[in-house]
Amino acid sequence: MFERYWQVEGYVPIPLSDKEYLIDNDGNVVDKNGQPISTTTDEEGFITVFVKLWGGWKHYRVVDISALVFKKIKIPFKFYPRIEGFHIDGNKQNLHASNVGYRFRGGPLEHPKKKGYFYIPFRTNYVVNRDGVVFNLLTRYSTKWYITKRQENGRSKQGYYVSNSKDDLDHRTNFSRHRSVALALIPYPDNVDDLDVNHINGIPGSDNVTNLEFVTRKENSLHAQRLGLNNSIPVLVRNVVTKEVNEYYSIAEAARVLGLACDESVRFRLRQPFGTVFQGGIQVKYKNDDRPWTDVVDPEKAIEDARQQIPVACRNVLTGDQFYTHSMVEAAELMKMSYSVVKLRLRRGLKQAIDGWQFQYAEGQPLVWKDVSPEDVRWMPKMTSVERHDVQTGETLVFKSMKKAGRSTPKGSTVPLYLRKGFQPLYHGRYRFKYKNDVWRVSDMIDYGSITDAALAKLPNRGSTANSTWVQQTQ
């Protein structure tokens, strides 16, 4: 988390300096004329500069200034003195923004107007109370959570509470409720990014601050073993650039630390061809997989190719829950749908639900979900399989996709178009099509195979199947 920073070229002004002083990513401070400001070292070994900022003329630690600027902390300026920067690797000479983390001096930083709520480091547009209620200061609404897949082996009946939103750097990522509480309310060391947040009672979702603690990964694993919670297979994650390999004691932990949408996101990666490079430049495998890692000839090219995947937002229209996947392929895999179905809806911007789910691209636009009526939800067919009925012989065939169904009939390439418009088309006076989970209904029995595309465009949509007249018939 803290290794991320606002990357800039050259220098940027320091807040509340009237643009008299500027700083760059390497921690160099200059005046408005570009002249370097001389540095000294305080009694604790931190590099300081003597300038006039939010506290008047005095010595300021450069690491504090860097944290404010390049972590883009969003708190009232009267709280700037509460920012306490630290060096992630412990080297106080390393002032690069990627080596800067921060905490709040004097303990948790309470919001000045929303009593009982405290700023969350690295997500300072959000505040949280001791019970895990997170409030968005921009939207003025409490955060809605989805629950990751429940543990299959332990005492817990549910998973972790996770949400997806933008951090202070405007990057959309997942964040968990229990870690938000811990960061805001529990003191943490400089290596906090390497630590887990442990539930003392072993129950995910029990996110009161009194039930949370920062522990090492090994301590977390041992704690889970003592409570009988851990019989999962450890997962290894490798960085293709640095060749560094990290071990996670379970799929759930790997998903949480990697910031993935849910446990199934890790399982999805584990099912892909061995050696595949995913977003972030990582490869994954089970710890008990003895195959050697697959080296990548051009890691940067592999990472760039992986980044071309566009995140997809998925919404359950029955529950209102939503979560994010990293690609259309992953969304289709998680929803147990055909990839072509998800791709079609995203590429054409179709807002209607299918099999209880709606999809949107999660980048470059705000998420606006189309309302779905209870009738639409109740009668919603799973539109991945199509049934073809031969009205002459009575034979019925089922195809896994609309495209395959259309290919089974001469001039049947327009079958998907008719089905999406709500029709059950008849071709050549013989072959009639419908969604498998649909039922045959009364139709004018026009031979759609003879209608031109121009005529098709003029046909009205039949709309929701809930508003149609349904009959069972076996023509």
Protein backbone atom coordinates (compact mmCIF):
# COMPACT_ATOMS: atom_id res chain seq x y z
CA MET A 1 0.00 0.00 0.00
CA PHE A 2 2.41 2.69 1.18
CA GLU A 3 4.95 1.99 -1.55
CA ARG A 4 2.48 3.52 -4.03
CA TYR A 5 2.79 7.23 -4.67
CA TRP A 6 1.91 10.08 -7.00
CA GLN A 7 4.49 9.92 -9.77
CA VAL A 8 5.44 13.31 -11.18
CA GLU A 9 8.15 14.68 -13.43
CA GLY A 10 10.13 17.47 -11.86
CA TYR A 11 8.92 19.46 -8.87
CA VAL A 12 5.47 20.22 -7.45
CA PRO A 13 4.52 22.94 -4.94
CA ILE A 14 4.31 22.08 -1.25
CA PRO A 15 0.85 22.91 0.20
CA LEU A 16 0.55 26.11 2.28
CA SER A 17 3.91 27.40 1.06
CA ASP A 18 2.46 29.97 -1.37
CA LYS A 19 4.43 28.10 -4.05
CA GLU A 20 7.65 29.29 -2.41
CA TYR A 21 8.89 25.71 -2.02
CA LEU A 22 8.66 22.64 -4.21
CA ILE A 23 9.57 18.96 -3.87
CA ASP A 24 10.17 16.06 -6.26
CA ASN A 25 9.72 12.28 -5.98
CA ASP A 26 13.29 11.89 -4.72
CA GLY A 27 12.64 14.15 -1.74
CA ASN A 28 14.66 17.12 -3.02
CA VAL A 29 13.27 20.47 -1.83
CA VAL A 30 13.92 23.68 -3.76
CA ASP A 31 12.68 27.26 -3.63
CA LYS A 32 10.58 28.88 -6.35
CA ASN A 33 13.75 29.81 -8.23
CA GLY A 34 14.91 26.22 -8.32
CA GLN A 35 17.64 26.69 -5.72
CA PRO A 36 18.11 23.64 -3.44
CA ILE A 37 17.20 24.09 0.20
CA SER A 38 20.01 22.98 2.51
CA THR A 39 19.27 20.03 4.75
CA THR A 40 20.18 19.06 8.29
CA THR A 41 19.58 15.98 10.42
CA ASP A 42 17.51 16.03 13.60
CA GLU A 43 18.28 14.12 16.78
CA GLU A 44 16.43 11.03 15.51
CA GLY A 45 18.37 10.94 12.26
CA PHE A 46 15.62 12.31 10.01
CA ILE A 47 16.61 14.72 7.22
CA THR A 48 15.03 18.15 7.70
CA VAL A 49 14.74 21.49 5.88
CA PHE A 50 14.28 24.91 7.45
CA VAL A 51 11.38 26.55 5.60
CA LYS A 52 8.11 28.39 6.21
CA LEU A 53 5.17 26.02 5.85
CA TRP A 54 1.96 25.26 7.79
CA GLY A 55 3.66 25.73 11.16
CA GLY A 56 5.61 28.86 10.30
CA TRP A 57 9.40 29.02 10.10
CA LYS A 58 10.95 25.86 11.52
CA HIS A 59 12.65 22.60 10.67
CA TYR A 60 10.36 20.12 8.87
CA ARG A 61 11.13 16.48 8.26
CA VAL A 62 11.32 15.87 4.53
CA VAL A 63 9.65 12.48 4.97
CA ASP A 64 6.59 14.25 6.45
CA ILE A 65 6.42 16.65 3.51
CA SER A 66 6.83 13.83 1.00
CA ALA A 67 4.05 11.82 2.65
CA LEU A 68 1.65 14.77 2.50
CA VAL A 69 2.40 15.57 -1.13
CA PHE A 70 2.97 12.21 -2.81
CA LYS A 71 0.49 10.13 -0.84
CA LYS A 72 -2.04 12.93 -1.53
CA ILE A 73 -3.36 12.96 2.02
CA LYS A 74 -6.79 14.60 2.15
CA ILE A 75 -7.22 16.04 5.64
CA PRO A 76 -7.84 19.62 6.88
CA PHE A 77 -4.60 21.62 6.85
CA LYS A 78 -4.86 22.18 10.62
CA PHE A 79 -4.06 18.46 10.94
CA TYR A 80 -0.89 18.59 8.83
CA PRO A 81 1.32 18.60 11.96
CA ARG A 82 -0.23 15.21 12.82
CA ILE A 83 1.35 13.58 9.74
CA GLU A 84 4.28 11.42 10.82
CA GLY A 85 6.18 9.99 7.89
CA PHE A 86 8.46 6.98 8.11
CA HIS A 87 10.93 5.17 5.86
CA ILE A 88 9.57 1.78 4.84
CA ASP A 89 13.00 0.14 4.54
CA GLY A 90 14.33 1.87 7.65
CA ASN A 91 16.93 3.84 5.68
CA LYS A 92 16.42 7.49 6.61
CA GLN A 93 18.63 8.58 3.73
CA ASN A 94 16.24 7.05 1.22
CA LEU A 95 13.74 9.85 0.65
CA HIS A 96 12.12 8.53 -2.51
CA ALA A 97 8.32 8.63 -2.33
CA SER A 98 8.11 4.85 -2.86
CA ASN A 99 9.95 4.43 0.46
CA VAL A 100 7.63 6.72 2.41
CA GLY A 101 4.76 5.67 4.63
CA TYR A 102 2.93 7.58 7.31
CA ARG A 103 0.81 7.40 10.44
CA PHE A 104 -0.86 10.06 12.56
CA ARG A 105 1.08 11.50 15.49
CA GLY A 106 -0.63 11.11 18.81
CA GLY A 107 -2.78 8.16 17.79
CA PRO A 108 -6.02 7.92 15.77
CA LEU A 109 -7.04 11.12 13.97
CA GLU A 110 -10.71 11.86 14.66
CA HIS A 111 -12.80 13.73 12.12
CA PRO A 112 -13.49 17.25 13.47
CA LYS A 113 -17.25 17.08 12.87
CA LYS A 114 -18.12 13.39 12.78
CA LYS A 115 -17.32 12.37 16.32
CA GLY A 116 -16.31 8.80 16.90
CA TYR A 117 -15.07 8.41 13.32
CA PHE A 118 -11.37 8.37 12.42
CA TYR A 119 -9.46 8.94 9.17
CA ILE A 120 -8.25 5.81 7.38
CA PRO A 121 -4.62 6.14 6.25
CA PHE A 122 -4.24 6.07 2.44
CA ARG A 123 -8.02 6.44 2.16
CA THR A 124 -8.48 9.76 3.89
CA ASN A 125 -11.74 10.46 2.07
CA TYR A 126 -13.12 7.77 4.39
CA VAL A 127 -13.55 7.59 8.16
CA VAL A 128 -14.36 4.58 10.32
CA ASN A 129 -15.61 3.98 13.85
CA ARG A 130 -14.63 1.28 16.33
CA ASP A 131 -17.33 -1.09 15.08
CA GLY A 132 -16.25 -0.94 11.44
CA VAL A 133 -18.84 1.46 10.04
CA VAL A 134 -17.04 3.27 7.19
CA PHE A 135 -18.34 6.65 6.02
CA ASN A 136 -17.49 8.24 2.66
CA LEU A 137 -16.83 11.95 3.23
CA LEU A 138 -17.44 12.75 -0.46
CA THR A 139 -20.74 10.97 -1.03
CA ARG A 140 -21.97 11.32 2.57
CA TYR A 141 -23.01 7.67 2.58
CA SER A 142 -21.85 4.68 4.56
CA THR A 143 -19.85 2.13 2.58
CA LYS A 144 -21.68 -0.94 1.30
CA TRP A 145 -19.78 -4.19 1.61
CA TYR A 146 -19.85 -7.53 -0.11
CA ILE A 147 -18.73 -10.66 1.69
CA THR A 148 -16.02 -12.87 0.30
CA LYS A 149 -16.60 -16.59 0.00
CA ARG A 150 -17.01 -18.19 3.44
CA GLN A 151 -14.29 -20.38 4.87
CA GLU A 152 -14.99 -23.97 4.02
CA ASN A 153 -13.39 -25.54 7.04
CA GLY A 154 -13.56 -23.47 10.18
CA ARG A 155 -15.98 -22.01 12.66
CA SER A 156 -16.74 -18.99 10.53
CA LYS A 157 -20.07 -18.82 8.69
CA GLN A 158 -18.98 -15.97 6.45
CA GLY A 159 -15.99 -14.36 4.78
CA TYR A 160 -14.42 -10.92 4.98
CA TYR A 161 -16.26 -7.67 4.41
CA VAL A 162 -14.71 -6.04 1.33
CA SER A 163 -15.54 -3.01 -0.79
CA ASN A 164 -14.11 -1.40 -3.90
CA SER A 165 -13.39 2.29 -4.20
CA LYS A 166 -10.72 4.82 -5.04
CA ASP A 167 -7.82 5.39 -2.66
CA ASP A 168 -6.11 8.75 -2.16
CA LEU A 169 -4.20 8.27 -5.42
CA ASP A 170 -7.51 7.82 -7.30
CA HIS A 171 -6.74 4.16 -7.98
CA ARG A 172 -9.77 1.88 -7.70
CA THR A 173 -8.86 -1.04 -5.45
CA ASN A 174 -10.47 -3.41 -2.99
CA PHE A 175 -10.16 -2.73 0.71
CA SER A 176 -11.34 -4.77 3.65
CA ARG A 177 -13.31 -3.53 6.61
CA HIS A 178 -11.12 -5.16 9.25
CA ARG A 179 -7.90 -3.68 7.82
CA SER A 180 -9.52 -0.24 7.61
CA VAL A 181 -10.39 -0.41 11.30
CA ALA A 182 -6.89 -1.57 12.21
CA LEU A 183 -5.08 1.11 10.21
CA ALA A 184 -7.24 3.89 11.61
CA LEU A 185 -7.32 2.82 15.26
CA ILE A 186 -4.41 0.47 16.08
CA PRO A 187 -0.76 1.65 16.23
CA TYR A 188 1.32 0.01 13.49
CA PRO A 189 5.06 -0.32 12.78
CA ASP A 190 6.92 0.84 9.69
CA ASN A 191 6.59 -2.59 8.04
CA VAL A 192 2.79 -2.55 8.29
CA ASP A 193 2.40 -3.52 4.63
CA ASP A 194 4.04 -6.86 5.44
CA LEU A 195 1.65 -7.56 8.33
CA ASP A 196 -1.74 -9.23 8.43
CA VAL A 197 -4.72 -8.08 10.47
CA ASN A 198 -5.76 -11.03 12.62
CA HIS A 199 -9.21 -11.66 14.08
CA ILE A 200 -8.47 -12.71 17.65
CA ASN A 201 -11.64 -14.81 17.91
CA GLY A 202 -11.00 -16.35 14.48
CA ILE A 203 -14.27 -15.07 13.00
CA PRO A 204 -14.03 -12.95 9.82
CA GLY A 205 -16.55 -10.14 9.92
CA SER A 206 -16.15 -9.64 13.66
CA ASP A 207 -14.44 -6.34 12.98
CA ASN A 208 -14.65 -4.42 16.24
CA VAL A 209 -11.27 -2.88 17.02
CA THR A 210 -10.95 -4.91 20.23
CA ASN A 211 -10.94 -8.11 18.13
CA LEU A 212 -8.16 -7.06 15.76
CA GLU A 213 -4.37 -7.06 15.91
CA PHE A 214 -1.42 -6.67 13.55
CA VAL A 215 0.59 -9.88 13.25
CA THR A 216 3.14 -11.42 10.91
CA ARG A 217 1.93 -13.85 8.28
CA LYS A 218 3.48 -16.73 10.21
CA GLU A 219 1.78 -15.64 13.43
CA ASN A 220 -1.53 -15.40 11.59
CA SER A 221 -1.10 -18.89 10.18
CA LEU A 222 -0.20 -20.35 13.57
CA HIS A 223 -3.19 -18.62 15.15
CA ALA A 224 -5.48 -20.13 12.49
CA GLN A 225 -4.01 -23.57 13.15
CA ARG A 226 -4.56 -23.26 16.88
CA LEU A 227 -8.22 -22.45 16.27
CA GLY A 228 -8.59 -25.22 13.71
CA LEU A 229 -9.28 -22.77 10.90
CA ASN A 230 -6.48 -23.55 8.52
CA ASN A 231 -6.47 -26.64 6.38
CA SER A 232 -6.05 -24.76 3.13
CA ILE A 233 -3.30 -25.33 0.61
CA PRO A 234 -0.71 -22.51 0.65
CA VAL A 235 -0.36 -20.42 -2.49
CA LEU A 236 2.84 -19.01 -3.99
CA VAL A 237 2.89 -15.72 -5.91
CA ARG A 238 5.92 -14.72 -7.97
CA ASN A 239 6.89 -11.31 -9.35
CA VAL A 240 8.19 -11.88 -12.90
CA VAL A 241 10.47 -8.83 -12.74
CA THR A 242 12.13 -9.20 -9.34
CA LYS A 243 11.69 -13.02 -9.20
CA GLU A 244 10.55 -12.55 -5.59
CA VAL A 245 8.18 -15.27 -4.38
CA ASN A 246 5.66 -14.67 -1.56
CA GLU A 247 3.81 -17.43 0.21
CA TYR A 248 0.21 -17.12 1.41
CA TYR A 249 -1.25 -19.67 3.76
CA SER A 250 -4.56 -19.80 1.89
CA ILE A 251 -6.36 -18.67 -1.24
CA ALA A 252 -8.38 -16.23 0.85
CA GLU A 253 -5.26 -14.57 2.22
CA ALA A 254 -3.73 -14.32 -1.25
CA ALA A 255 -6.90 -12.66 -2.58
CA ARG A 256 -6.96 -10.15 0.27
CA VAL A 257 -3.28 -9.19 0.09
CA LEU A 258 -3.30 -8.95 -3.71
CA GLY A 259 -6.44 -6.79 -3.63
CA LEU A 260 -8.49 -9.15 -5.79
CA ALA A 261 -12.26 -9.12 -5.92
CA CYS A 262 -12.81 -12.42 -4.13
CA ASP A 263 -11.28 -15.82 -3.37
CA GLU A 264 -12.56 -17.14 -6.69
CA SER A 265 -10.34 -14.59 -8.46
CA VAL A 266 -7.28 -16.46 -7.17
CA ARG A 267 -8.80 -19.83 -8.04
CA PHE A 268 -9.45 -18.50 -11.54
CA ARG A 269 -5.75 -17.62 -11.92
CA LEU A 270 -4.70 -21.01 -10.60
CA ARG A 271 -6.81 -22.68 -13.28
CA GLN A 272 -5.16 -20.79 -16.12
CA PRO A 273 -2.21 -22.22 -18.12
CA PHE A 274 0.82 -22.60 -15.89
CA GLY A 275 3.17 -19.62 -16.10
CA THR A 276 0.53 -17.10 -17.21
CA VAL A 277 1.46 -13.54 -16.25
CA PHE A 278 -1.41 -11.60 -14.69
CA GLN A 279 -1.93 -7.94 -13.90
CA GLY A 280 0.72 -6.64 -11.56
CA GLY A 281 3.31 -8.90 -13.19
CA ILE A 282 2.56 -11.96 -11.07
CA GLN A 283 2.44 -15.69 -11.60
CA VAL A 284 0.65 -18.03 -9.19
CA LYS A 285 0.74 -21.70 -8.23
CA TYR A 286 -0.03 -23.95 -5.28
CA LYS A 287 2.88 -24.50 -2.90
CA ASN A 288 2.71 -28.25 -3.46
CA ASP A 289 3.13 -27.77 -7.23
CA ASP A 290 6.69 -28.96 -7.92
CA ARG A 291 6.91 -27.47 -11.41
CA PRO A 292 9.62 -24.80 -11.72
CA TRP A 293 8.47 -21.26 -12.41
CA THR A 294 8.21 -20.31 -16.07
CA ASP A 295 10.65 -17.51 -16.89
CA VAL A 296 9.35 -14.73 -19.12
CA VAL A 297 11.60 -13.55 -21.95
CA ASP A 298 10.21 -10.01 -21.91
CA PRO A 299 8.58 -9.30 -18.50
CA GLU A 300 7.66 -5.72 -19.37
CA LYS A 301 5.85 -6.85 -22.52
CA ALA A 302 4.04 -9.59 -20.57
CA ILE A 303 2.93 -7.09 -17.93
CA GLU A 304 1.78 -4.62 -20.57
CA ASP A 305 -0.28 -7.30 -22.26
CA ALA A 306 -1.84 -8.25 -18.93
CA ARG A 307 -2.74 -4.63 -18.20
CA GLN A 308 -4.81 -4.42 -21.36
CA GLN A 309 -7.53 -6.33 -19.57
CA ILE A 310 -10.33 -3.95 -18.59
CA PRO A 311 -11.82 -4.35 -15.09
CA VAL A 312 -15.49 -5.31 -15.07
CA ALA A 313 -18.08 -4.45 -12.43
CA CYS A 314 -20.68 -7.15 -11.72
CA ARG A 315 -23.96 -6.51 -9.89
CA ASN A 316 -26.44 -9.04 -8.51
CA VAL A 317 -29.87 -7.53 -9.22
CA LEU A 318 -31.54 -9.60 -6.52
CA THR A 319 -29.29 -8.54 -3.64
CA GLY A 320 -27.78 -5.30 -4.96
CA ASP A 321 -24.29 -6.60 -4.15
CA GLN A 322 -21.52 -5.73 -6.58
CA PHE A 323 -17.86 -6.57 -6.98
CA TYR A 324 -15.09 -6.15 -9.50
CA THR A 325 -13.17 -8.55 -11.71
CA HIS A 326 -10.04 -7.81 -13.70
CA SER A 327 -11.35 -8.86 -17.11
CA MET A 328 -14.33 -10.10 -19.12
CA VAL A 329 -12.88 -13.61 -19.03
CA GLU A 330 -12.76 -13.57 -15.25
CA ALA A 331 -16.29 -12.12 -15.00
CA ALA A 332 -17.64 -14.88 -17.25
CA GLU A 333 -15.79 -17.54 -15.28
CA LEU A 334 -17.08 -16.31 -11.93
CA MET A 335 -20.66 -15.94 -13.18
CA LYS A 336 -20.61 -19.37 -14.86
CA MET A 337 -21.58 -17.71 -18.15
CA SER A 338 -20.35 -17.84 -21.70
CA TYR A 339 -17.55 -15.35 -22.34
CA SER A 340 -19.32 -14.23 -25.52
CA VAL A 341 -22.44 -13.31 -23.49
CA VAL A 342 -20.49 -11.05 -21.13
CA LYS A 343 -18.46 -9.59 -23.99
CA LEU A 344 -21.59 -8.76 -26.00
CA ARG A 345 -23.26 -6.96 -23.11
CA LEU A 346 -20.17 -4.90 -22.32
CA ARG A 347 -19.27 -4.02 -25.90
CA ARG A 348 -22.83 -2.95 -26.72
CA GLY A 349 -23.47 -1.27 -23.38
CA LEU A 350 -26.49 -3.47 -22.62
CA LYS A 351 -27.82 -2.53 -19.18
CA GLN A 352 -30.44 -5.25 -18.80
CA ALA A 353 -29.72 -8.08 -16.41
CA ILE A 354 -28.99 -11.59 -17.59
CA ASP A 355 -29.39 -14.57 -15.30
CA GLY A 356 -29.64 -12.15 -12.39
CA TRP A 357 -26.46 -10.16 -13.20
CA GLN A 358 -25.57 -6.85 -14.77
CA PHE A 359 -22.15 -5.89 -16.13
CA GLN A 360 -20.32 -2.63 -16.76
CA TYR A 361 -16.78 -1.61 -17.56
CA ALA A 362 -15.23 -0.37 -14.30
CA GLU A 363 -12.88 2.21 -15.81
CA GLY A 364 -13.42 5.59 -17.37
CA GLN A 365 -17.06 6.06 -16.39
CA PRO A 366 -19.25 6.21 -13.29
CA LEU A 367 -21.29 3.13 -12.47
CA VAL A 368 -24.99 3.72 -13.16
CA TRP A 369 -27.06 0.55 -12.87
CA LYS A 370 -30.39 0.12 -14.68
CA ASP A 371 -33.31 -0.60 -12.35
CA VAL A 372 -34.81 -4.06 -12.77
CA SER A 373 -38.43 -4.81 -11.86
CA PRO A 374 -39.31 -7.83 -9.71
CA GLU A 375 -41.13 -9.34 -12.69
CA ASP A 376 -38.02 -9.09 -14.85
CA VAL A 377 -35.97 -10.78 -12.15
CA ARG A 378 -38.49 -13.56 -11.55
CA TRP A 379 -38.80 -14.51 -15.23
CA MET A 380 -35.21 -13.85 -16.17
CA PRO A 381 -33.95 -16.74 -18.33
CA LYS A 382 -30.37 -17.93 -18.43
CA MET A 383 -29.58 -16.95 -21.98
CA THR A 384 -26.53 -19.09 -22.59
CA SER A 385 -28.29 -22.12 -24.11
CA VAL A 386 -30.72 -22.20 -27.04
CA GLU A 387 -33.26 -24.87 -27.96
CA ARG A 388 -34.14 -25.71 -31.57
CA HIS A 389 -37.44 -27.48 -32.25
CA ASP A 390 -38.18 -29.19 -35.55
CA VAL A 391 -41.93 -28.60 -36.02
CA GLN A 392 -42.09 -31.32 -38.70
CA THR A 393 -40.40 -34.21 -36.90
CA GLY A 394 -40.80 -33.05 -33.30
CA GLU A 395 -37.04 -33.40 -32.73
CA THR A 396 -35.47 -31.02 -30.19
CA LEU A 397 -31.78 -30.07 -29.96
CA VAL A 398 -30.04 -27.88 -27.37
CA PHE A 399 -27.07 -25.67 -28.25
CA LYS A 400 -24.71 -24.07 -25.75
CA SER A 401 -24.80 -20.68 -27.46
CA MET A 402 -26.94 -18.61 -29.80
CA LYS A 403 -24.19 -18.59 -32.38
CA LYS A 404 -23.99 -22.40 -32.52
CA ALA A 405 -27.77 -22.60 -32.76
CA GLY A 406 -27.78 -20.21 -35.70
CA ARG A 407 -25.09 -22.17 -37.51
CA SER A 408 -27.24 -25.29 -37.33
CA THR A 409 -29.77 -23.84 -39.76
CA PRO A 410 -29.33 -22.39 -43.27
CA LYS A 411 -29.39 -18.59 -43.13
CA GLY A 412 -29.65 -18.80 -39.33
CA SER A 413 -27.01 -16.17 -38.58
CA THR A 414 -29.75 -13.76 -37.43
CA VAL A 415 -31.07 -16.13 -34.73
CA PRO A 416 -29.23 -14.23 -31.93
CA LEU A 417 -30.73 -10.94 -33.11
CA TYR A 418 -34.31 -12.25 -33.05
CA LEU A 419 -33.86 -13.92 -29.67
CA ARG A 420 -32.51 -10.73 -28.12
CA LYS A 421 -35.53 -8.83 -29.45
CA GLY A 422 -37.82 -11.24 -27.62
CA PHE A 423 -38.93 -13.36 -30.59
CA GLN A 424 -38.93 -17.13 -30.99
CA PRO A 425 -38.09 -17.22 -34.70
CA LEU A 426 -39.21 -19.87 -37.20
CA TYR A 427 -36.88 -20.70 -40.10
CA HIS A 428 -37.87 -22.31 -43.41
CA GLY A 429 -41.24 -23.33 -42.03
CA ARG A 430 -39.49 -25.94 -39.91
CA TYR A 431 -36.95 -24.86 -37.27
CA ARG A 432 -38.05 -22.76 -34.34
CA PHE A 433 -35.72 -21.34 -31.65
CA LYS A 434 -36.04 -20.18 -28.04
CA TYR A 435 -33.88 -19.81 -24.95
CA LYS A 436 -33.61 -23.17 -23.21
CA ASN A 437 -35.04 -21.86 -19.93
CA ASP A 438 -37.82 -20.07 -21.78
CA VAL A 439 -41.18 -21.68 -22.63
CA TRP A 440 -42.86 -21.81 -26.02
CA ARG A 441 -45.43 -19.07 -26.39
CA VAL A 442 -48.12 -18.17 -28.88
CA SER A 443 -46.54 -16.56 -31.93
CA ASP A 444 -47.65 -15.23 -35.29
CA MET A 445 -45.40 -17.96 -36.73
CA ILE A 446 -43.92 -15.70 -39.41
CA ASP A 447 -40.98 -17.38 -41.11
CA TYR A 448 -38.27 -15.07 -39.81
CA GLY A 449 -35.69 -16.74 -41.98
CA SER A 450 -37.11 -14.83 -44.95
CA ILE A 451 -37.14 -11.37 -43.31
CA THR A 452 -34.34 -9.00 -44.25
CA ASP A 453 -32.16 -7.23 -41.68
CA ALA A 454 -33.82 -3.94 -42.64
CA ALA A 455 -37.21 -5.39 -41.80
CA LEU A 456 -35.79 -6.83 -38.59
CA ALA A 457 -34.72 -3.39 -37.42
CA LYS A 458 -38.34 -2.22 -37.71
CA LEU A 459 -39.71 -5.06 -35.60
CA PRO A 460 -40.64 -3.86 -32.09
CA ASN A 461 -39.00 -5.46 -29.09
CA ARG A 462 -41.29 -7.86 -27.32
CA GLY A 463 -39.72 -6.71 -24.07
CA SER A 464 -39.67 -8.73 -20.87
CA THR A 465 -40.96 -12.26 -21.02
CA ALA A 466 -42.91 -11.44 -17.87
CA ASN A 467 -45.26 -9.31 -19.94
CA SER A 468 -45.93 -11.99 -22.59
CA THR A 469 -48.66 -14.56 -22.76
CA TRP A 470 -47.22 -17.97 -21.96
CA VAL A 471 -48.46 -21.35 -23.15
CA GLN A 472 -46.89 -24.76 -23.37
CA GLN A 473 -47.01 -26.16 -26.88
CA THR A 474 -45.12 -28.85 -28.77
CA GLN A 475 -45.54 -27.99 -32.39
